[in-house]
C-alpha atoms as a PDB file:
ATOM      1  CA  MET A   1      92.943 149.696 300.691  1.00  0.00           C
ATOM      2  CA  PHE A   2      92.027 149.661 304.513  1.00  0.00           C
ATOM      3  CA  LEU A   3      92.061 153.013 305.440  1.00  0.00           C
ATOM      4  CA  LEU A   4      89.436 154.126 304.685  1.00  0.00           C
ATOM      5  CA  THR A   5      87.174 150.974 307.440  1.00  0.00           C
ATOM      6  CA  ASP A   6      89.721 152.647 310.157  1.00  0.00           C
ATOM      7  CA  ILE A   7      88.619 155.970 310.053  1.00  0.00           C
ATOM      8  CA  ARG A   8      84.891 155.256 309.118  1.00  0.00           C
ATOM      9  CA  ALA A   9      84.867 153.823 312.943  1.00  0.00           C
ATOM     10  CA  ILE A  10      86.421 155.501 314.181  1.00  0.00           C
ATOM     11  CA  LEU A  11      83.457 158.189 313.000  1.00  0.00           C
ATOM     12  CA  ARG A  12      81.371 156.438 313.465  1.00  0.00           C
ATOM     13  CA  LYS A  13      82.365 155.271 317.565  1.00  0.00           C
ATOM     14  CA  THR A  14      82.709 159.575 317.606  1.00  0.00           C
ATOM     15  CA  ALA A  15      79.580 159.897 316.700  1.00  0.00           C
ATOM     16  CA  PRO A  16      77.012 161.801 316.801  1.00  0.00           C
ATOM     17  CA  HIS A  17      80.128 165.221 317.902  1.00  0.00           C
ATOM     18  CA  HIS A  18      83.239 163.667 316.107  1.00  0.00           C
ATOM     19  CA  ARG A  19      84.973 164.982 319.117  1.00  0.00           C
ATOM     20  CA  LEU A  20      88.559 163.140 319.025  1.00  0.00           C
ATOM     21  CA  GLY A  21      90.181 162.725 322.476  1.00  0.00           C
ATOM     22  CA  PRO A  22      94.511 162.911 321.904  1.00  0.00           C
ATOM     23  CA  GLY A  23      94.766 160.139 321.377  1.00  0.00           C
ATOM     24  CA  GLU A  24      92.314 159.375 318.518  1.00  0.00           C
ATOM     25  CA  ARG A  25      93.515 162.630 317.216  1.00  0.00           C
ATOM     26  CA  LYS A  26      96.960 161.131 316.259  1.00  0.00           C
ATOM     27  CA  GLU A  27      95.359 158.149 314.999  1.00  0.00           C
ATOM     28  CA  VAL A  28      93.648 159.798 312.025  1.00  0.00           C
ATOM     29  CA  GLU A  29      96.274 162.203 311.900  1.00  0.00           C
ATOM     30  CA  ILE A  30      98.752 158.760 310.758  1.00  0.00           C
ATOM     31  CA  LEU A  31      95.937 157.171 308.340  1.00  0.00           C
ATOM     32  CA  LEU A  32      94.759 160.458 307.071  1.00  0.00           C
ATOM     33  CA  SER A  33      98.713 160.668 306.045  1.00  0.00           C
ATOM     34  CA  ASN A  34      98.793 156.911 304.937  1.00  0.00           C
ATOM     35  CA  LEU A  35      96.154 157.558 302.742  1.00  0.00           C
ATOM     36  CA  GLU A  36      97.667 160.451 301.217  1.00  0.00           C
ATOM     37  CA  LYS A  37      99.914 158.662 300.185  1.00  0.00           C
ATOM     38  CA  GLN A  38      98.443 156.035 299.474  1.00  0.00           C
ATOM     39  CA  VAL A  39      96.469 158.612 297.144  1.00  0.00           C
ATOM     40  CA  ASP A  40      99.336 160.293 295.533  1.00  0.00           C
ATOM     41  CA  LEU A  41     100.967 156.675 294.070  1.00  0.00           C
ATOM     42  CA  LEU A  42      97.724 155.475 292.993  1.00  0.00           C
ATOM     43  CA  LYS A  43      97.245 159.289 290.645  1.00  0.00           C
ATOM     44  CA  ARG A  44     100.998 159.027 289.967  1.00  0.00           C
ATOM     45  CA  GLU A  45     100.594 154.545 288.174  1.00  0.00           C
ATOM     46  CA  LEU A  46      97.091 155.471 287.372  1.00  0.00           C
ATOM     47  CA  LEU A  47      97.831 159.292 284.841  1.00  0.00           C
ATOM     48  CA  ALA A  48     101.273 159.315 284.532  1.00  0.00           C
END
């Protein structure tokens, strides 16, 4: 799960206001979507 590391890198790069450019916004949308999928998979595996 390196997705969180990638998200944290973007947050550090855009600190302190975390204003995202168009490319960064798209990248964050993709990263968050992938993270949500992985969390959903973990929930199904661990709580089933």
